[in-house]
Amino acid sequence: MALRKYFCTFPQDLIKEPIISHSLNAHFGVIPNIRAASITEQMAMVAVEIEGELDKIEESVVFLRERGVKVEEIREDGDE
């Protein structure tokens, strides 16, 4: 199992959709864990860890981006 961390910015039209909690697990079999979030009526910013098979994590990131979510990987010191 792999674990990757991302910072996601959701546009206004996606704020009320449960994309992280429902779609990622149901479609890709990964486990999302929201670590922090700031949500307003205009935008949502979410720090999320995604755990699972690396190829499924990558597929879930592509899915988010295709839906219009800006996804940036969070790299920490010592990460490759």
PDB file of N, CA and C in Angstrom:
ATOM      1  N   MET A   1       0.838  -1.191   0.000  1.00  0.00           N
ATOM      2  CA  MET A   1       0.000   0.000   0.000  1.00  0.00           C
ATOM      3  C   MET A   1       0.874   1.243   0.000  1.00  0.00           C
ATOM      4  N   ALA A   2       0.446   2.213  -0.736  1.00  0.00           N
ATOM      5  CA  ALA A   2       1.149   3.489  -0.812  1.00  0.00           C
ATOM      6  C   ALA A   2       0.295   4.560  -0.141  1.00  0.00           C
ATOM      7  N   LEU A   3       0.937   5.648   0.226  1.00  0.00           N
ATOM      8  CA  LEU A   3       0.244   6.790   0.816  1.00  0.00           C
ATOM      9  C   LEU A   3       0.789   8.057   0.171  1.00  0.00           C
ATOM     10  N   ARG A   4      -0.099   8.866  -0.363  1.00  0.00           N
ATOM     11  CA  ARG A   4       0.277  10.140  -0.979  1.00  0.00           C
ATOM     12  C   ARG A   4      -0.574  11.235  -0.362  1.00  0.00           C
ATOM     13  N   LYS A   5       0.012  12.437  -0.283  1.00  0.00           N
ATOM     14  CA  LYS A   5      -0.696  13.585   0.288  1.00  0.00           C
ATOM     15  C   LYS A   5      -0.890  14.636  -0.792  1.00  0.00           C
ATOM     16  N   TYR A   6      -2.076  15.243  -0.790  1.00  0.00           N
ATOM     17  CA  TYR A   6      -2.417  16.228  -1.814  1.00  0.00           C
ATOM     18  C   TYR A   6      -3.136  17.426  -1.200  1.00  0.00           C
ATOM     19  N   PHE A   7      -2.979  18.544  -1.887  1.00  0.00           N
ATOM     20  CA  PHE A   7      -3.740  19.750  -1.570  1.00  0.00           C
ATOM     21  C   PHE A   7      -4.682  19.963  -2.739  1.00  0.00           C
ATOM     22  N   CYS A   8      -5.968  19.946  -2.479  1.00  0.00           N
ATOM     23  CA  CYS A   8      -6.984  20.039  -3.530  1.00  0.00           C
ATOM     24  C   CYS A   8      -7.785  21.328  -3.384  1.00  0.00           C
ATOM     25  N   THR A   9      -7.988  22.000  -4.502  1.00  0.00           N
ATOM     26  CA  THR A   9      -8.816  23.194  -4.531  1.00  0.00           C
ATOM     27  C   THR A   9     -10.016  22.910  -5.426  1.00  0.00           C
ATOM     28  N   PHE A  10     -11.201  22.986  -4.837  1.00  0.00           N
ATOM     29  CA  PHE A  10     -12.439  22.684  -5.543  1.00  0.00           C
ATOM     30  C   PHE A  10     -13.112  23.972  -5.991  1.00  0.00           C
ATOM     31  N   PRO A  11     -13.558  24.042  -7.246  1.00  0.00           N
ATOM     32  CA  PRO A  11     -14.316  25.208  -7.694  1.00  0.00           C
ATOM     33  C   PRO A  11     -15.714  25.206  -7.070  1.00  0.00           C
ATOM     34  N   GLN A  12     -16.366  26.336  -7.146  1.00  0.00           N
ATOM     35  CA  GLN A  12     -17.660  26.532  -6.500  1.00  0.00           C
ATOM     36  C   GLN A  12     -18.689  25.479  -6.893  1.00  0.00           C
ATOM     37  N   ASP A  13     -18.734  25.088  -8.150  1.00  0.00           N
ATOM     38  CA  ASP A  13     -19.775  24.146  -8.594  1.00  0.00           C
ATOM     39  C   ASP A  13     -19.573  22.718  -8.082  1.00  0.00           C
ATOM     40  N   LEU A  14     -18.427  22.417  -7.481  1.00  0.00           N
ATOM     41  CA  LEU A  14     -18.176  21.068  -6.958  1.00  0.00           C
ATOM     42  C   LEU A  14     -18.186  20.986  -5.439  1.00  0.00           C
ATOM     43  N   ILE A  15     -18.365  22.120  -4.766  1.00  0.00           N
ATOM     44  CA  ILE A  15     -18.241  22.152  -3.308  1.00  0.00           C
ATOM     45  C   ILE A  15     -19.194  21.180  -2.616  1.00  0.00           C
ATOM     46  N   LYS A  16     -20.405  21.071  -3.090  1.00  0.00           N
ATOM     47  CA  LYS A  16     -21.400  20.247  -2.393  1.00  0.00           C
ATOM     48  C   LYS A  16     -21.396  18.782  -2.819  1.00  0.00           C
ATOM     49  N   GLU A  17     -20.547  18.423  -3.786  1.00  0.00           N
ATOM     50  CA  GLU A  17     -20.481  17.030  -4.228  1.00  0.00           C
ATOM     51  C   GLU A  17     -19.510  16.238  -3.345  1.00  0.00           C
ATOM     52  N   PRO A  18     -19.881  15.030  -2.947  1.00  0.00           N
ATOM     53  CA  PRO A  18     -18.999  14.216  -2.090  1.00  0.00           C
ATOM     54  C   PRO A  18     -17.943  13.462  -2.899  1.00  0.00           C
ATOM     55  N   ILE A  19     -17.185  14.190  -3.691  1.00  0.00           N
ATOM     56  CA  ILE A  19     -16.217  13.566  -4.596  1.00  0.00           C
ATOM     57  C   ILE A  19     -15.163  12.771  -3.832  1.00  0.00           C
ATOM     58  N   ILE A  20     -14.593  13.347  -2.799  1.00  0.00           N
ATOM     59  CA  ILE A  20     -13.528  12.655  -2.066  1.00  0.00           C
ATOM     60  C   ILE A  20     -14.093  11.481  -1.283  1.00  0.00           C
ATOM     61  N   SER A  21     -15.107  11.732  -0.496  1.00  0.00           N
ATOM     62  CA  SER A  21     -15.588  10.696   0.420  1.00  0.00           C
ATOM     63  C   SER A  21     -16.250   9.520  -0.286  1.00  0.00           C
ATOM     64  N   HIS A  22     -16.946   9.741  -1.379  1.00  0.00           N
ATOM     65  CA  HIS A  22     -17.665   8.657  -2.035  1.00  0.00           C
ATOM     66  C   HIS A  22     -16.981   8.158  -3.304  1.00  0.00           C
ATOM     67  N   SER A  23     -16.636   9.053  -4.195  1.00  0.00           N
ATOM     68  CA  SER A  23     -16.141   8.650  -5.507  1.00  0.00           C
ATOM     69  C   SER A  23     -14.798   7.940  -5.452  1.00  0.00           C
ATOM     70  N   LEU A  24     -13.860   8.451  -4.665  1.00  0.00           N
ATOM     71  CA  LEU A  24     -12.524   7.857  -4.681  1.00  0.00           C
ATOM     72  C   LEU A  24     -12.538   6.430  -4.170  1.00  0.00           C
ATOM     73  N   ASN A  25     -13.262   6.181  -3.106  1.00  0.00           N
ATOM     74  CA  ASN A  25     -13.310   4.817  -2.579  1.00  0.00           C
ATOM     75  C   ASN A  25     -14.124   3.905  -3.484  1.00  0.00           C
ATOM     76  N   ALA A  26     -15.282   4.360  -3.910  1.00  0.00           N
ATOM     77  CA  ALA A  26     -16.169   3.523  -4.712  1.00  0.00           C
ATOM     78  C   ALA A  26     -15.583   3.180  -6.080  1.00  0.00           C
ATOM     79  N   HIS A  27     -14.958   4.148  -6.740  1.00  0.00           N
ATOM     80  CA  HIS A  27     -14.472   3.941  -8.105  1.00  0.00           C
ATOM     81  C   HIS A  27     -13.055   3.378  -8.163  1.00  0.00           C
ATOM     82  N   PHE A  28     -12.233   3.708  -7.187  1.00  0.00           N
ATOM     83  CA  PHE A  28     -10.816   3.341  -7.283  1.00  0.00           C
ATOM     84  C   PHE A  28     -10.325   2.458  -6.135  1.00  0.00           C
ATOM     85  N   GLY A  29     -11.132   2.265  -5.127  1.00  0.00           N
ATOM     86  CA  GLY A  29     -10.746   1.412  -4.016  1.00  0.00           C
ATOM     87  C   GLY A  29      -9.652   1.984  -3.134  1.00  0.00           C
ATOM     88  N   VAL A  30      -9.457   3.299  -3.190  1.00  0.00           N
ATOM     89  CA  VAL A  30      -8.469   3.951  -2.333  1.00  0.00           C
ATOM     90  C   VAL A  30      -9.162   4.495  -1.092  1.00  0.00           C
ATOM     91  N   ILE A  31      -8.361   4.783  -0.077  1.00  0.00           N
ATOM     92  CA  ILE A  31      -8.907   5.289   1.175  1.00  0.00           C
ATOM     93  C   ILE A  31      -8.482   6.746   1.345  1.00  0.00           C
ATOM     94  N   PRO A  32      -9.428   7.674   1.200  1.00  0.00           N
ATOM     95  CA  PRO A  32      -9.094   9.082   1.413  1.00  0.00           C
ATOM     96  C   PRO A  32      -9.238   9.454   2.890  1.00  0.00           C
ATOM     97  N   ASN A  33      -8.341  10.291   3.355  1.00  0.00           N
ATOM     98  CA  ASN A  33      -8.396  10.772   4.735  1.00  0.00           C
ATOM     99  C   ASN A  33      -8.197  12.286   4.695  1.00  0.00           C
ATOM    100  N   ILE A  34      -9.248  13.035   4.953  1.00  0.00           N
ATOM    101  CA  ILE A  34      -9.158  14.496   4.941  1.00  0.00           C
ATOM    102  C   ILE A  34      -8.445  14.944   6.204  1.00  0.00           C
ATOM    103  N   ARG A  35      -7.335  15.658   6.033  1.00  0.00           N
ATOM    104  CA  ARG A  35      -6.506  16.087   7.154  1.00  0.00           C
ATOM    105  C   ARG A  35      -6.787  17.522   7.570  1.00  0.00           C
ATOM    106  N   ALA A  36      -7.243  18.338   6.634  1.00  0.00           N
ATOM    107  CA  ALA A  36      -7.577  19.739   6.935  1.00  0.00           C
ATOM    108  C   ALA A  36      -8.448  20.256   5.791  1.00  0.00           C
ATOM    109  N   ALA A  37      -9.283  21.250   6.102  1.00  0.00           N
ATOM    110  CA  ALA A  37     -10.139  21.816   5.065  1.00  0.00           C
ATOM    111  C   ALA A  37     -10.553  23.230   5.427  1.00  0.00           C
ATOM    112  N   SER A  38     -10.722  24.037   4.402  1.00  0.00           N
ATOM    113  CA  SER A  38     -11.283  25.373   4.532  1.00  0.00           C
ATOM    114  C   SER A  38     -12.319  25.505   3.425  1.00  0.00           C
ATOM    115  N   ILE A  39     -13.564  25.721   3.826  1.00  0.00           N
ATOM    116  CA  ILE A  39     -14.650  25.726   2.855  1.00  0.00           C
ATOM    117  C   ILE A  39     -15.476  27.000   3.008  1.00  0.00           C
ATOM    118  N   THR A  40     -15.691  27.666   1.877  1.00  0.00           N
ATOM    119  CA  THR A  40     -16.562  28.836   1.838  1.00  0.00           C
ATOM    120  C   THR A  40     -17.626  28.571   0.768  1.00  0.00           C
ATOM    121  N   GLU A  41     -18.489  29.531   0.542  1.00  0.00           N
ATOM    122  CA  GLU A  41     -19.497  29.395  -0.514  1.00  0.00           C
ATOM    123  C   GLU A  41     -18.862  29.410  -1.905  1.00  0.00           C
ATOM    124  N   GLN A  42     -17.679  29.993  -2.033  1.00  0.00           N
ATOM    125  CA  GLN A  42     -17.039  30.144  -3.334  1.00  0.00           C
ATOM    126  C   GLN A  42     -16.001  29.068  -3.654  1.00  0.00           C
ATOM    127  N   MET A  43     -15.373  28.481  -2.630  1.00  0.00           N
ATOM    128  CA  MET A  43     -14.262  27.581  -2.888  1.00  0.00           C
ATOM    129  C   MET A  43     -14.041  26.655  -1.700  1.00  0.00           C
ATOM    130  N   ALA A  44     -13.469  25.495  -1.985  1.00  0.00           N
ATOM    131  CA  ALA A  44     -13.076  24.566  -0.922  1.00  0.00           C
ATOM    132  C   ALA A  44     -11.620  24.179  -1.136  1.00  0.00           C
ATOM    133  N   MET A  45     -10.842  24.251  -0.064  1.00  0.00           N
ATOM    134  CA  MET A  45      -9.444  23.837  -0.099  1.00  0.00           C
ATOM    135  C   MET A  45      -9.294  22.704   0.909  1.00  0.00           C
ATOM    136  N   VAL A  46      -8.760  21.575   0.431  1.00  0.00           N
ATOM    137  CA  VAL A  46      -8.725  20.369   1.253  1.00  0.00           C
ATOM    138  C   VAL A  46      -7.344  19.727   1.177  1.00  0.00           C
ATOM    139  N   ALA A  47      -6.789  19.397   2.341  1.00  0.00           N
ATOM    140  CA  ALA A  47      -5.574  18.590   2.409  1.00  0.00           C
ATOM    141  C   ALA A  47      -6.024  17.163   2.665  1.00  0.00           C
ATOM    142  N   VAL A  48      -5.633  16.246   1.777  1.00  0.00           N
ATOM    143  CA  VAL A  48      -6.115  14.865   1.868  1.00  0.00           C
ATOM    144  C   VAL A  48      -4.964  13.884   1.666  1.00  0.00           C
ATOM    145  N   GLU A  49      -4.994  12.821   2.454  1.00  0.00           N
ATOM    146  CA  GLU A  49      -4.088  11.696   2.241  1.00  0.00           C
ATOM    147  C   GLU A  49      -4.896  10.637   1.506  1.00  0.00           C
ATOM    148  N   ILE A  50      -4.270  10.004   0.518  1.00  0.00           N
ATOM    149  CA  ILE A  50      -4.928   8.928  -0.211  1.00  0.00           C
ATOM    150  C   ILE A  50      -4.055   7.690  -0.085  1.00  0.00           C
ATOM    151  N   GLU A  51      -4.654   6.616   0.426  1.00  0.00           N
ATOM    152  CA  GLU A  51      -3.924   5.374   0.638  1.00  0.00           C
ATOM    153  C   GLU A  51      -4.489   4.287  -0.265  1.00  0.00           C
ATOM    154  N   GLY A  52      -3.595   3.489  -0.847  1.00  0.00           N
ATOM    155  CA  GLY A  52      -4.030   2.390  -1.703  1.00  0.00           C
ATOM    156  C   GLY A  52      -2.913   1.974  -2.625  1.00  0.00           C
ATOM    157  N   GLU A  53      -3.268   1.210  -3.635  1.00  0.00           N
ATOM    158  CA  GLU A  53      -2.288   0.820  -4.645  1.00  0.00           C
ATOM    159  C   GLU A  53      -1.890   2.078  -5.420  1.00  0.00           C
ATOM    160  N   LEU A  54      -0.599   2.225  -5.705  1.00  0.00           N
ATOM    161  CA  LEU A  54      -0.096   3.453  -6.321  1.00  0.00           C
ATOM    162  C   LEU A  54      -0.804   3.772  -7.634  1.00  0.00           C
ATOM    163  N   ASP A  55      -1.033   2.780  -8.476  1.00  0.00           N
ATOM    164  CA  ASP A  55      -1.707   3.055  -9.746  1.00  0.00           C
ATOM    165  C   ASP A  55      -3.140   3.541  -9.539  1.00  0.00           C
ATOM    166  N   LYS A  56      -3.810   3.040  -8.506  1.00  0.00           N
ATOM    167  CA  LYS A  56      -5.176   3.482  -8.208  1.00  0.00           C
ATOM    168  C   LYS A  56      -5.182   4.899  -7.637  1.00  0.00           C
ATOM    169  N   ILE A  57      -4.162   5.236  -6.847  1.00  0.00           N
ATOM    170  CA  ILE A  57      -4.039   6.612  -6.351  1.00  0.00           C
ATOM    171  C   ILE A  57      -3.872   7.556  -7.529  1.00  0.00           C
ATOM    172  N   GLU A  58      -2.989   7.202  -8.452  1.00  0.00           N
ATOM    173  CA  GLU A  58      -2.751   8.053  -9.620  1.00  0.00           C
ATOM    174  C   GLU A  58      -4.007   8.190 -10.472  1.00  0.00           C
ATOM    175  N   GLU A  59      -4.762   7.097 -10.632  1.00  0.00           N
ATOM    176  CA  GLU A  59      -6.018   7.162 -11.383  1.00  0.00           C
ATOM    177  C   GLU A  59      -7.029   8.071 -10.680  1.00  0.00           C
ATOM    178  N   SER A  60      -7.055   8.033  -9.358  1.00  0.00           N
ATOM    179  CA  SER A  60      -7.996   8.880  -8.626  1.00  0.00           C
ATOM    180  C   SER A  60      -7.632  10.360  -8.769  1.00  0.00           C
ATOM    181  N   VAL A  61      -6.335  10.663  -8.824  1.00  0.00           N
ATOM    182  CA  VAL A  61      -5.896  12.051  -9.026  1.00  0.00           C
ATOM    183  C   VAL A  61      -6.298  12.531 -10.423  1.00  0.00           C
ATOM    184  N   VAL A  62      -6.127  11.690 -11.420  1.00  0.00           N
ATOM    185  CA  VAL A  62      -6.558  12.041 -12.780  1.00  0.00           C
ATOM    186  C   VAL A  62      -8.064  12.316 -12.791  1.00  0.00           C
ATOM    187  N   PHE A  63      -8.829  11.469 -12.121  1.00  0.00           N
ATOM    188  CA  PHE A  63     -10.286  11.652 -12.032  1.00  0.00           C
ATOM    189  C   PHE A  63     -10.628  13.010 -11.425  1.00  0.00           C
ATOM    190  N   LEU A  64      -9.976  13.361 -10.315  1.00  0.00           N
ATOM    191  CA  LEU A  64     -10.238  14.654  -9.675  1.00  0.00           C
ATOM    192  C   LEU A  64      -9.935  15.801 -10.625  1.00  0.00           C
ATOM    193  N   ARG A  65      -8.786  15.718 -11.286  1.00  0.00           N
ATOM    194  CA  ARG A  65      -8.407  16.787 -12.221  1.00  0.00           C
ATOM    195  C   ARG A  65      -9.389  16.894 -13.383  1.00  0.00           C
ATOM    196  N   GLU A  66      -9.836  15.760 -13.885  1.00  0.00           N
ATOM    197  CA  GLU A  66     -10.820  15.775 -14.981  1.00  0.00           C
ATOM    198  C   GLU A  66     -12.143  16.402 -14.546  1.00  0.00           C
ATOM    199  N   ARG A  67     -12.474  16.288 -13.276  1.00  0.00           N
ATOM    200  CA  ARG A  67     -13.705  16.898 -12.743  1.00  0.00           C
ATOM    201  C   ARG A  67     -13.549  18.402 -12.527  1.00  0.00           C
ATOM    202  N   GLY A  68     -12.306  18.921 -12.577  1.00  0.00           N
ATOM    203  CA  GLY A  68     -12.085  20.352 -12.402  1.00  0.00           C
ATOM    204  C   GLY A  68     -11.422  20.731 -11.097  1.00  0.00           C
ATOM    205  N   VAL A  69     -10.964  19.731 -10.340  1.00  0.00           N
ATOM    206  CA  VAL A  69     -10.278  19.987  -9.077  1.00  0.00           C
ATOM    207  C   VAL A  69      -8.797  20.237  -9.356  1.00  0.00           C
ATOM    208  N   LYS A  70      -8.245  21.287  -8.761  1.00  0.00           N
ATOM    209  CA  LYS A  70      -6.802  21.538  -8.858  1.00  0.00           C
ATOM    210  C   LYS A  70      -6.139  20.662  -7.791  1.00  0.00           C
ATOM    211  N   VAL A  71      -5.233  19.776  -8.207  1.00  0.00           N
ATOM    212  CA  VAL A  71      -4.603  18.829  -7.295  1.00  0.00           C
ATOM    213  C   VAL A  71      -3.088  19.020  -7.324  1.00  0.00           C
ATOM    214  N   GLU A  72      -2.521  19.267  -6.143  1.00  0.00           N
ATOM    215  CA  GLU A  72      -1.070  19.430  -6.019  1.00  0.00           C
ATOM    216  C   GLU A  72      -0.561  18.438  -4.978  1.00  0.00           C
ATOM    217  N   GLU A  73       0.459  17.673  -5.341  1.00  0.00           N
ATOM    218  CA  GLU A  73       1.011  16.721  -4.378  1.00  0.00           C
ATOM    219  C   GLU A  73       1.815  17.471  -3.325  1.00  0.00           C
ATOM    220  N   ILE A  74       1.660  17.053  -2.086  1.00  0.00           N
ATOM    221  CA  ILE A  74       2.423  17.632  -0.971  1.00  0.00           C
ATOM    222  C   ILE A  74       3.618  16.725  -0.750  1.00  0.00           C
ATOM    223  N   ARG A  75       4.785  17.280  -0.927  1.00  0.00           N
ATOM    224  CA  ARG A  75       6.026  16.530  -0.704  1.00  0.00           C
ATOM    225  C   ARG A  75       6.672  17.054   0.563  1.00  0.00           C
ATOM    226  N   GLU A  76       7.146  16.135   1.379  1.00  0.00           N
ATOM    227  CA  GLU A  76       7.826  16.501   2.610  1.00  0.00           C
ATOM    228  C   GLU A  76       9.310  16.205   2.476  1.00  0.00           C
ATOM    229  N   ASP A  77      10.125  16.792   3.345  1.00  0.00           N
ATOM    230  CA  ASP A  77      11.553  16.512   3.309  1.00  0.00           C
ATOM    231  C   ASP A  77      11.773  15.011   3.390  1.00  0.00           C
ATOM    232  N   GLY A  78      12.625  14.497   2.515  1.00  0.00           N
ATOM    233  CA  GLY A  78      12.913  13.078   2.489  1.00  0.00           C
ATOM    234  C   GLY A  78      12.078  12.305   1.485  1.00  0.00           C
ATOM    235  N   ASP A  79      11.016  12.937   0.935  1.00  0.00           N
ATOM    236  CA  ASP A  79      10.224  12.276  -0.095  1.00  0.00           C
ATOM    237  C   ASP A  79      11.026  12.274  -1.385  1.00  0.00           C
ATOM    238  N   GLU A  80      10.854  11.209  -2.160  1.00  0.00           N
ATOM    239  CA  GLU A  80      11.550  11.117  -3.447  1.00  0.00           C
ATOM    240  C   GLU A  80      10.844  11.928  -4.488  1.00  0.00           C
TER     241      GLU A  80
END
